[in-house]
């Protein structure tokens, strides 16, 4: 059993309207869309892409993928 292949690499998809187009600060924290937590980057990316495409008409709306596994274990290096 490959321990690295079986390791959870959690990713959070989150989005909302930004205060400025060139920034990463949300204009209203109460309205932030916490989409969900996913077990790997590929599944998080699929959800992120769908949410981003659905909000294309709102120039201030942005979605992000947060690498939670890096926050939870910052000393662990990825292969």
Protein backbone atom coordinates (compact mmCIF):
# COMPACT_ATOMS: atom_id res chain seq x y z
CA UNK A 1 0.00 0.00 0.00
CA UNK A 2 1.44 3.37 -1.09
CA UNK A 3 1.11 5.69 1.91
CA UNK A 4 1.62 8.89 -0.14
CA UNK A 5 -1.02 7.89 -2.72
CA UNK A 6 -3.56 7.15 0.02
CA UNK A 7 -2.93 10.38 1.95
CA UNK A 8 -5.81 12.87 2.14
CA UNK A 9 -4.92 16.19 0.55
CA UNK A 10 -7.89 18.31 1.60
CA UNK A 11 -8.88 21.33 -0.50
CA UNK A 12 -11.49 23.99 0.31
CA UNK A 13 -13.44 25.82 -2.41
CA UNK A 14 -14.59 29.27 -1.31
CA UNK A 15 -15.82 32.36 -3.09
CA UNK A 16 -17.53 35.70 -2.92
CA UNK A 17 -17.55 39.25 -4.17
CA UNK A 18 -14.24 41.05 -3.84
CA UNK A 19 -13.82 44.64 -2.66
CA UNK A 20 -11.50 45.39 -5.60
CA UNK A 21 -10.90 43.56 -8.86
CA UNK A 22 -7.15 43.32 -8.29
CA UNK A 23 -7.37 42.23 -4.64
CA UNK A 24 -8.33 39.17 -2.64
CA UNK A 25 -10.39 40.81 0.10
CA UNK A 26 -14.08 39.89 0.25
CA UNK A 27 -16.51 42.82 0.39
CA UNK A 28 -18.93 41.00 2.74
CA UNK A 29 -17.67 38.13 4.89
CA UNK A 30 -21.23 37.17 5.81
CA UNK A 31 -21.95 36.48 2.14
CA UNK A 32 -18.87 34.30 1.46
CA UNK A 33 -19.82 31.10 -0.31
CA UNK A 34 -18.11 28.19 1.45
CA UNK A 35 -18.69 25.60 -1.23
CA UNK A 36 -17.07 22.60 0.42
CA UNK A 37 -14.03 20.51 1.28
CA UNK A 38 -12.73 17.96 -1.23
CA UNK A 39 -10.30 15.06 -0.85
CA UNK A 40 -7.97 16.09 -3.68
CA UNK A 41 -7.13 18.95 -6.01
CA UNK A 42 -8.80 17.41 -9.07
CA UNK A 43 -12.24 17.20 -7.47
CA UNK A 44 -11.87 20.68 -5.94
CA UNK A 45 -10.87 22.04 -9.35
CA UNK A 46 -13.97 20.60 -11.01
CA UNK A 47 -16.23 22.30 -8.45
CA UNK A 48 -14.23 25.55 -8.59
CA UNK A 49 -14.50 25.66 -12.38
CA UNK A 50 -18.27 25.12 -12.28
CA UNK A 51 -18.79 27.85 -9.65
CA UNK A 52 -16.50 30.28 -11.49
CA UNK A 53 -18.30 29.71 -14.80
CA UNK A 54 -21.70 30.24 -13.18
CA UNK A 55 -20.59 33.62 -11.79
CA UNK A 56 -18.90 34.93 -14.95
CA UNK A 57 -21.44 37.78 -15.29
CA UNK A 58 -20.31 39.29 -11.96
CA UNK A 59 -16.85 40.81 -12.46
CA UNK A 60 -16.24 41.08 -8.69
CA UNK A 61 -17.12 37.46 -7.92
CA UNK A 62 -14.15 35.13 -7.46
CA UNK A 63 -13.74 31.55 -6.31
CA UNK A 64 -10.57 30.10 -4.84
CA UNK A 65 -9.11 26.71 -4.02
CA UNK A 66 -7.42 26.68 -0.60
CA UNK A 67 -4.86 23.92 -0.02
CA UNK A 68 -6.01 22.98 3.48
CA UNK A 69 -3.51 20.13 3.77
CA UNK A 70 -0.69 22.69 3.55
CA UNK A 71 -2.22 24.72 6.38
CA UNK A 72 -2.78 21.66 8.53
CA UNK A 73 0.73 20.26 8.04
CA UNK A 74 3.03 23.02 6.70
CA UNK A 75 6.20 20.98 7.27
CA UNK A 76 5.02 18.14 5.03
CA UNK A 77 6.42 18.46 1.51
CA UNK A 78 4.47 17.31 -1.53
CA UNK A 79 5.99 14.87 -3.97
